[in-house]
């Protein structure tokens, strides 16, 4: 009898976001594949999970897939986690899931934490239809992708590092127009969870003057889908505990 792969989301910030079912799956699995075993060890210790772990990250994913599939064929139950959020969403996992599907191995993805959905809803921009871009190309193809996004009619979402945020906002302002509505969220569900809303031009000024820290999610209104302007720019913070 074949085994099963569980794709298990982990908190993007607040450990209380971990679901009881996710904890149970990780406890009962034969093996946990972790993007960084050191990072995941903190989570496992917090929830009293002592399941063996093995590294599964972008640098070894291609070479490790066949061995993992062999274990699953032999009947093992394996759980895949990333450092934070849902595996395969701008994190390793896609290759393993694809190979399991090709080989007829059962895969189940648990619902759970991901950064872009709270950032999208927090933005106040249209969210009935949207496109998730993940990280933009750092060099090759970046200009082309930005031009394509400038005419995208749906709200679009980008992940970015704090060091590149101001540059990316300037580029978006150049191609989309400085008056395009957008928001920047950082540290989703953590103690310093903050969302800043405004036009791209306003956000450029703000983040050139205020260097952010933490994980960043940019949400931009689609072309011709501007949100109703609020009477003032708003910055709000959700007080959560780590």
Protein backbone atom coordinates (compact mmCIF):
# COMPACT_ATOMS: atom_id res chain seq x y z
CA UNK A 1 0.00 0.00 0.00
CA UNK A 2 1.36 3.41 -0.97
CA UNK A 3 2.05 6.17 1.48
CA UNK A 4 0.80 9.73 1.52
CA UNK A 5 2.28 13.21 1.27
CA UNK A 6 0.80 15.92 3.46
CA UNK A 7 1.55 19.55 2.57
CA UNK A 8 1.33 21.40 5.88
CA UNK A 9 1.18 25.21 6.23
CA UNK A 10 3.00 26.69 9.20
CA UNK A 11 2.50 30.13 10.82
CA UNK A 12 3.90 33.16 9.01
CA UNK A 13 4.29 34.90 12.37
CA UNK A 14 2.11 34.16 15.36
CA UNK A 15 2.51 30.53 16.48
CA UNK A 16 -1.13 30.53 17.62
CA UNK A 17 -2.08 30.42 13.93
CA UNK A 18 -0.97 26.77 13.78
CA UNK A 19 -4.05 24.55 13.45
CA UNK A 20 -4.64 21.54 15.73
CA UNK A 21 -4.93 19.31 12.67
CA UNK A 22 -1.56 20.47 11.35
CA UNK A 23 0.04 19.60 14.69
CA UNK A 24 -1.57 16.16 14.67
CA UNK A 25 -0.44 15.42 11.11
CA UNK A 26 3.14 16.40 11.94
CA UNK A 27 3.10 14.22 15.06
CA UNK A 28 1.82 11.17 13.22
CA UNK A 29 4.00 11.44 10.10
CA UNK A 30 6.97 9.13 9.63
CA UNK A 31 9.11 12.00 8.37
CA UNK A 32 8.92 15.79 8.11
CA UNK A 33 10.60 17.47 5.14
CA UNK A 34 11.60 20.97 6.23
CA UNK A 35 12.96 23.90 4.23
CA UNK A 36 15.34 24.65 7.11
CA UNK A 37 15.42 22.08 9.91
CA UNK A 38 16.82 24.65 12.34
CA UNK A 39 13.89 27.00 11.78
CA UNK A 40 11.34 24.19 11.91
CA UNK A 41 12.92 22.77 15.07
CA UNK A 42 11.70 25.84 16.98
CA UNK A 43 8.13 25.17 15.83
CA UNK A 44 8.35 21.44 16.57
CA UNK A 45 9.69 22.05 20.06
CA UNK A 46 6.91 24.55 20.78
CA UNK A 47 4.23 21.97 19.93
CA UNK A 48 6.03 18.94 21.35
CA UNK A 49 6.53 17.26 17.97
CA UNK A 50 9.44 14.79 17.86
CA UNK A 51 8.99 13.38 14.36
CA UNK A 52 12.32 12.98 12.49
CA UNK A 53 13.12 15.80 10.06
CA UNK A 54 15.11 16.02 6.85
CA UNK A 55 16.07 19.06 4.75
CA UNK A 56 14.09 19.76 1.59
CA UNK A 57 14.95 23.15 0.08
CA UNK A 58 15.47 24.83 -3.28
CA UNK A 59 19.11 23.74 -3.45
CA UNK A 60 18.44 20.00 -3.06
CA UNK A 61 14.82 19.69 -4.22
CA UNK A 62 15.61 18.31 -7.67
CA UNK A 63 18.00 15.67 -6.41
CA UNK A 64 15.89 14.69 -3.39
CA UNK A 65 12.51 14.14 -5.09
CA UNK A 66 13.13 10.60 -6.36
CA UNK A 67 14.25 9.32 -2.94
CA UNK A 68 11.21 10.87 -1.26
CA UNK A 69 8.88 9.32 -3.83
CA UNK A 70 10.51 5.92 -3.23
CA UNK A 71 9.76 6.22 0.48
CA UNK A 72 6.18 7.20 -0.24
CA UNK A 73 5.76 4.23 -2.58
CA UNK A 74 7.02 2.00 0.23
CA UNK A 75 4.21 3.23 2.47
CA UNK A 76 5.67 6.13 4.43
CA UNK A 77 3.57 9.09 5.49
CA UNK A 78 5.59 12.24 4.89
CA UNK A 79 4.75 15.85 5.80
CA UNK A 80 6.23 18.79 3.90
CA UNK A 81 6.67 22.17 5.60
CA UNK A 82 8.39 25.43 4.66
CA UNK A 83 9.90 27.97 7.03
CA UNK A 84 6.60 29.86 7.09
CA UNK A 85 3.33 29.71 5.19
CA UNK A 86 2.17 27.13 2.66
CA UNK A 87 4.83 25.07 0.86
CA UNK A 88 5.09 25.60 -2.93
CA UNK A 89 3.82 29.19 -2.64
CA UNK A 90 7.12 31.00 -3.38
CA UNK A 91 8.76 28.13 -1.48
CA UNK A 92 9.94 24.59 -2.34
CA UNK A 93 7.30 21.91 -2.80
CA UNK A 94 5.93 22.14 -6.33
CA UNK A 95 8.35 19.60 -7.80
CA UNK A 96 7.58 17.01 -5.13
CA UNK A 97 3.81 17.44 -5.40
CA UNK A 98 3.98 17.21 -9.20
CA UNK A 99 6.02 14.02 -9.08
CA UNK A 100 3.68 12.45 -6.53
CA UNK A 101 0.72 13.21 -8.77
CA UNK A 102 2.51 11.68 -11.75
CA UNK A 103 3.24 8.54 -9.74
CA UNK A 104 -0.28 8.21 -8.37
CA UNK A 105 0.75 8.93 -4.79
CA UNK A 106 -1.90 10.49 -2.58
CA UNK A 107 -1.32 14.17 -1.75
CA UNK A 108 -3.32 16.23 0.70
CA UNK A 109 -2.72 19.94 1.33
CA UNK A 110 -4.03 21.29 4.60
CA UNK A 111 -5.58 24.77 4.65
CA UNK A 112 -3.62 27.28 6.65
CA UNK A 113 -1.39 30.30 6.87
CA UNK A 114 -0.13 32.27 3.90
CA UNK A 115 0.97 35.90 3.84
CA UNK A 116 -0.68 37.22 0.70
CA UNK A 117 -4.34 36.64 1.62
CA UNK A 118 -4.30 38.81 4.79
CA UNK A 119 -2.30 41.47 2.92
CA UNK A 120 -4.83 41.47 0.07
CA UNK A 121 -7.83 41.83 2.36
CA UNK A 122 -6.07 44.47 4.51
CA UNK A 123 -5.38 46.57 1.41
CA UNK A 124 -9.01 47.49 0.85
CA UNK A 125 -8.44 46.97 -2.89
CA UNK A 126 -10.77 44.83 -5.04
CA UNK A 127 -10.15 41.20 -4.10
CA UNK A 128 -12.87 39.21 -5.84
CA UNK A 129 -10.37 38.63 -8.66
CA UNK A 130 -6.61 38.97 -8.25
CA UNK A 131 -3.30 37.62 -9.48
CA UNK A 132 -0.42 36.48 -7.28
CA UNK A 133 3.03 37.19 -8.71
CA UNK A 134 5.29 36.07 -5.89
CA UNK A 135 8.78 37.54 -6.26
CA UNK A 136 9.52 39.50 -9.43
CA UNK A 137 12.54 38.45 -11.52
CA UNK A 138 15.58 40.19 -10.02
CA UNK A 139 17.14 41.06 -13.40
CA UNK A 140 16.33 39.20 -16.62
CA UNK A 141 12.70 39.66 -17.60
CA UNK A 142 11.97 42.12 -14.81
CA UNK A 143 11.21 45.12 -17.03
CA UNK A 144 8.96 43.02 -19.27
CA UNK A 145 7.05 41.63 -16.31
CA UNK A 146 6.53 45.09 -14.86
CA UNK A 147 5.14 46.33 -18.16
CA UNK A 148 2.74 43.37 -18.27
CA UNK A 149 1.57 44.08 -14.74
CA UNK A 150 0.96 47.74 -15.57
CA UNK A 151 -2.00 46.73 -17.78
CA UNK A 152 -3.22 43.84 -15.60
CA UNK A 153 -6.91 44.57 -14.83
CA UNK A 154 -6.94 42.55 -11.61
CA UNK A 155 -5.43 43.52 -8.29
CA UNK A 156 -1.94 42.02 -8.18
CA UNK A 157 0.26 40.90 -5.32
CA UNK A 158 4.06 40.86 -5.08
CA UNK A 159 6.42 39.53 -2.41
CA UNK A 160 9.49 41.66 -1.79
CA UNK A 161 12.43 41.97 0.57
CA UNK A 162 12.70 45.12 2.72
CA UNK A 163 16.01 46.02 1.08
CA UNK A 164 14.46 46.12 -2.41
CA UNK A 165 11.09 47.61 -1.45
CA UNK A 166 11.78 51.26 -2.31
CA UNK A 167 13.30 50.32 -5.67
CA UNK A 168 10.33 48.11 -6.57
CA UNK A 169 7.82 50.78 -5.56
CA UNK A 170 9.65 53.32 -7.76
CA UNK A 171 9.56 50.93 -10.70
CA UNK A 172 5.86 50.23 -10.16
CA UNK A 173 5.17 53.96 -9.93
CA UNK A 174 7.02 54.52 -13.20
CA UNK A 175 5.13 51.86 -15.18
CA UNK A 176 1.71 52.02 -13.49
CA UNK A 177 1.56 55.71 -12.67
CA UNK A 178 2.22 57.47 -9.39
CA UNK A 179 -1.53 57.76 -8.67
CA UNK A 180 -2.20 53.99 -8.76
CA UNK A 181 -3.62 52.79 -5.41
CA UNK A 182 -1.53 50.25 -3.51
CA UNK A 183 -0.61 48.98 -0.06
CA UNK A 184 2.45 47.55 1.66
CA UNK A 185 2.05 45.03 4.47
CA UNK A 186 4.88 43.72 6.60
CA UNK A 187 5.28 41.16 9.36
CA UNK A 188 1.86 39.57 8.78
CA UNK A 189 0.40 38.25 12.08
CA UNK A 190 3.51 39.26 14.06
CA UNK A 191 3.71 41.85 16.83
CA UNK A 192 4.71 44.66 14.45
CA UNK A 193 2.19 43.77 11.73
CA UNK A 194 1.69 46.99 9.77
CA UNK A 195 -0.11 47.95 6.57
CA UNK A 196 0.47 51.29 4.83
CA UNK A 197 -2.02 52.31 2.14
CA UNK A 198 -1.76 55.07 -0.44
CA UNK A 199 -0.83 55.77 -4.03
CA UNK A 200 2.37 54.31 -5.40
CA UNK A 201 3.85 57.81 -5.41
CA UNK A 202 2.98 58.30 -1.75
CA UNK A 203 4.34 54.89 -0.82
CA UNK A 204 7.62 55.63 -2.61
CA UNK A 205 8.09 58.75 -0.49
CA UNK A 206 7.09 56.97 2.72
CA UNK A 207 9.44 54.02 2.31
CA UNK A 208 12.35 56.09 1.06
CA UNK A 209 12.08 57.90 4.39
CA UNK A 210 11.22 54.85 6.49
CA UNK A 211 13.32 51.74 5.90
CA UNK A 212 11.09 48.75 6.69
CA UNK A 213 12.05 45.46 8.30
CA UNK A 214 10.54 42.00 7.95
CA UNK A 215 8.69 40.17 5.21
CA UNK A 216 6.93 42.47 2.71
CA UNK A 217 3.76 42.04 0.63
CA UNK A 218 2.87 44.69 -1.98
CA UNK A 219 -0.72 44.87 -3.25
CA UNK A 220 -1.48 47.06 -6.29
CA UNK A 221 -4.83 47.98 -7.77
CA UNK A 222 -5.43 46.66 -11.27
CA UNK A 223 -5.51 48.97 -14.27
CA UNK A 224 -8.75 50.95 -14.34
CA UNK A 225 -9.80 49.38 -11.04
CA UNK A 226 -8.81 52.11 -8.61
CA UNK A 227 -10.24 51.88 -5.12
CA UNK A 228 -12.23 54.83 -3.78
CA UNK A 229 -9.76 57.33 -2.35
CA UNK A 230 -9.98 57.68 1.39
CA UNK A 231 -9.92 61.19 2.90
CA UNK A 232 -6.34 60.61 4.11
CA UNK A 233 -3.60 58.07 3.79
CA UNK A 234 -3.88 55.48 6.48
CA UNK A 235 -1.43 53.42 8.39
CA UNK A 236 -2.67 50.84 10.82
CA UNK A 237 -1.17 48.21 13.01
CA UNK A 238 -2.68 45.00 14.26
CA UNK A 239 -1.40 44.13 17.69
CA UNK A 240 -0.64 40.43 17.77
CA UNK A 241 1.74 38.60 20.05
CA UNK A 242 4.56 36.46 18.70
